[in-house]
Amino acid sequence: MSVSSVLVERMAAELMERHAVVTTAESCTGGWIAKILTDVPGSSAWFEYGFVSYGDNAKADLLNVDSELIKEHGAVSEKVAIAMVAGALDRSGATYGMAVTGIAGPEGGTADKPVGTVWFAWGGEDRVTETLCKHFEGDRDTVRRQTVTTALTGMLEFVQNNG
């Protein structure tokens, strides 16, 4: 059993205990987190919505992220990750949500935001939000795998601490 599978099983148990539902807002992972969640039989009891908002327009259209926020801070930023999770929670009505936005590479990095930079946000219906920025090493696949694991780990911890 993979690390991700173990994390999802633990998160599912926590969500079921609380009669809670989780949502995702994904950019650089392109739906990978939702895929991992739905690999678990019975996941429809605690997961209903996943938003893939890969481009800036998708972030604005699907998650109501202010385009001015993206222009001012960049799509890969703490403020945009927070807006993404808030939008996912608003649109889905879920109890908890997680958002990821990053630069998986191999292109797209800058001096300020090199390839491997990923912002995470975890939130709840009470609008408590936690964020984290990571700088992962490796190729595109490795960055994305680490992003999925970090997002799931953070969501499990968030649910345990805010439930």
Protein backbone atom coordinates (compact mmCIF):
# COMPACT_ATOMS: atom_id res chain seq x y z
CA MET A 1 0.00 0.00 0.00
CA SER A 2 1.42 3.40 -1.00
CA VAL A 3 1.95 6.34 1.33
CA SER A 4 -0.87 8.20 -0.44
CA SER A 5 -3.26 5.27 0.02
CA VAL A 6 -2.51 5.10 3.74
CA LEU A 7 -3.04 8.87 4.09
CA VAL A 8 -6.35 8.70 2.23
CA GLU A 9 -7.57 5.76 4.33
CA ARG A 10 -6.76 7.68 7.52
CA MET A 11 -8.34 10.87 6.19
CA ALA A 12 -11.46 8.97 5.09
CA ALA A 13 -11.86 7.54 8.59
CA GLU A 14 -11.54 11.02 10.14
CA LEU A 15 -14.06 12.48 7.68
CA MET A 16 -16.55 9.66 8.19
CA GLU A 17 -16.30 10.03 11.97
CA ARG A 18 -17.20 13.72 11.61
CA HIS A 19 -19.83 13.19 8.87
CA ALA A 20 -17.71 15.60 6.82
CA VAL A 21 -16.92 16.06 3.14
CA VAL A 22 -13.69 17.25 1.49
CA THR A 23 -13.12 19.11 -1.78
CA THR A 24 -10.02 19.79 -3.87
CA ALA A 25 -8.81 22.75 -5.93
CA GLU A 26 -5.86 21.63 -8.03
CA SER A 27 -3.59 23.41 -10.44
CA CYS A 28 -0.15 21.79 -10.89
CA THR A 29 -1.44 18.32 -9.96
CA GLY A 30 -4.12 18.39 -12.66
CA GLY A 31 -6.64 16.27 -10.74
CA TRP A 32 -4.16 13.77 -9.30
CA ILE A 33 -5.35 14.39 -5.73
CA ALA A 34 -8.98 13.76 -6.72
CA LYS A 35 -7.86 10.59 -8.50
CA ILE A 36 -6.10 9.32 -5.35
CA LEU A 37 -9.18 10.11 -3.25
CA THR A 38 -11.53 8.29 -5.61
CA ASP A 39 -9.26 5.22 -5.76
CA VAL A 40 -10.80 4.36 -2.36
CA PRO A 41 -14.07 2.42 -2.60
CA GLY A 42 -16.87 4.34 -0.90
CA SER A 43 -15.16 7.72 -1.34
CA SER A 44 -18.45 9.24 -2.51
CA ALA A 45 -19.46 9.32 1.17
CA TRP A 46 -16.83 11.99 1.89
CA PHE A 47 -15.75 13.40 -1.51
CA GLU A 48 -18.08 14.93 -4.08
CA TYR A 49 -16.30 17.82 -5.84
CA GLY A 50 -12.83 18.26 -7.27
CA PHE A 51 -11.84 21.35 -9.25
CA VAL A 52 -8.99 21.29 -11.76
CA SER A 53 -8.11 24.93 -12.28
CA TYR A 54 -4.88 24.61 -14.21
CA GLY A 55 -4.96 27.99 -15.93
CA ASP A 56 -5.61 31.47 -14.59
CA ASN A 57 -8.98 31.69 -16.36
CA ALA A 58 -10.07 28.43 -14.75
CA LYS A 59 -9.10 29.75 -11.32
CA ALA A 60 -11.27 32.81 -11.93
CA ASP A 61 -14.19 30.99 -13.60
CA LEU A 62 -14.39 27.84 -11.46
CA LEU A 63 -13.21 29.12 -8.10
CA ASN A 64 -13.99 32.84 -8.26
CA VAL A 65 -10.34 33.80 -7.75
CA ASP A 66 -10.02 37.53 -8.47
CA SER A 67 -7.95 37.98 -11.64
CA GLU A 68 -6.38 41.09 -10.07
CA LEU A 69 -5.12 38.91 -7.22
CA ILE A 70 -3.44 36.64 -9.78
CA LYS A 71 -1.93 39.62 -11.62
CA GLU A 72 -0.62 41.17 -8.41
CA HIS A 73 0.76 38.06 -6.68
CA GLY A 74 1.02 35.45 -9.45
CA ALA A 75 -0.92 32.22 -9.75
CA VAL A 76 1.68 30.49 -7.59
CA SER A 77 1.26 32.43 -4.36
CA GLU A 78 -0.14 32.12 -0.88
CA LYS A 79 -2.98 34.54 -1.59
CA VAL A 80 -4.11 32.61 -4.68
CA ALA A 81 -3.93 29.27 -2.83
CA ILE A 82 -6.12 30.72 -0.08
CA ALA A 83 -8.58 32.09 -2.65
CA MET A 84 -8.65 28.71 -4.41
CA VAL A 85 -9.55 26.77 -1.28
CA ALA A 86 -12.16 29.40 -0.33
CA GLY A 87 -13.68 29.18 -3.80
CA ALA A 88 -13.76 25.38 -3.71
CA LEU A 89 -15.46 25.43 -0.32
CA ASP A 90 -18.01 28.02 -1.51
CA ARG A 91 -18.81 26.19 -4.75
CA SER A 92 -18.97 22.69 -3.25
CA GLY A 93 -20.42 23.26 0.21
CA ALA A 94 -17.79 20.85 1.56
CA THR A 95 -16.69 20.83 5.17
CA TYR A 96 -12.96 20.88 4.35
CA GLY A 97 -10.88 21.73 1.32
CA MET A 98 -7.35 21.67 0.01
CA ALA A 99 -5.76 23.70 -2.78
CA VAL A 100 -2.43 23.39 -4.58
CA THR A 101 -0.82 25.77 -7.04
CA GLY A 102 2.75 25.41 -8.21
CA ILE A 103 5.41 25.15 -10.88
CA ALA A 104 6.08 21.51 -11.71
CA GLY A 105 8.44 22.28 -14.59
CA PRO A 106 10.50 21.74 -16.47
CA GLU A 107 9.83 25.34 -17.60
CA GLY A 108 8.04 28.21 -15.91
CA GLY A 109 10.31 28.89 -12.97
CA THR A 110 11.79 32.28 -12.08
CA ALA A 111 14.45 33.45 -9.63
CA ASP A 112 11.69 34.24 -7.09
CA LYS A 113 9.64 31.14 -7.85
CA PRO A 114 11.87 28.35 -9.15
CA VAL A 115 10.57 25.10 -10.59
CA GLY A 116 9.36 22.99 -7.67
CA THR A 117 7.70 25.90 -5.82
CA VAL A 118 4.25 24.87 -4.61
CA TRP A 119 1.77 26.73 -2.40
CA PHE A 120 -0.75 24.72 -0.38
CA ALA A 121 -3.88 25.88 1.43
CA TRP A 122 -6.18 23.85 3.67
CA GLY A 123 -9.44 25.28 4.90
CA GLY A 124 -12.71 24.52 6.59
CA GLU A 125 -16.25 25.77 6.48
CA ASP A 126 -15.45 28.02 9.45
CA ARG A 127 -12.86 29.70 7.17
CA VAL A 128 -9.88 28.72 9.28
CA THR A 129 -7.10 28.39 6.71
CA GLU A 130 -3.54 27.10 6.93
CA THR A 131 -0.91 27.54 4.22
CA LEU A 132 2.49 26.16 3.37
CA CYS A 133 5.05 26.81 0.67
CA LYS A 134 7.39 23.99 -0.37
CA HIS A 135 10.30 23.90 -2.78
CA PHE A 136 10.54 20.39 -4.16
CA GLU A 137 13.50 18.95 -6.06
CA GLY A 138 13.26 16.64 -9.02
CA ASP A 139 11.57 16.32 -12.37
CA ARG A 140 7.94 17.17 -13.14
CA ASP A 141 6.59 13.81 -12.00
CA THR A 142 8.58 13.91 -8.75
CA VAL A 143 7.41 17.44 -7.93
CA ARG A 144 3.80 16.46 -8.57
CA ARG A 145 4.06 13.25 -6.49
CA GLN A 146 5.52 15.20 -3.56
CA THR A 147 2.76 17.77 -3.96
CA VAL A 148 0.04 15.11 -3.73
CA THR A 149 1.60 13.53 -0.62
CA THR A 150 2.09 16.91 1.08
CA ALA A 151 -1.49 17.98 0.26
CA LEU A 152 -2.94 14.76 1.71
CA THR A 153 -0.73 14.89 4.80
CA GLY A 154 -1.73 18.50 5.42
CA MET A 155 -5.43 17.74 4.91
CA LEU A 156 -5.32 14.86 7.37
CA GLU A 157 -3.62 17.07 9.97
CA PHE A 158 -6.03 19.93 9.31
CA VAL A 159 -9.08 17.70 9.79
CA GLN A 160 -7.63 16.22 12.98
CA ASN A 161 -6.85 19.69 14.39
CA ASN A 162 -10.00 21.48 13.24
CA GLY A 163 -12.71 18.90 13.68
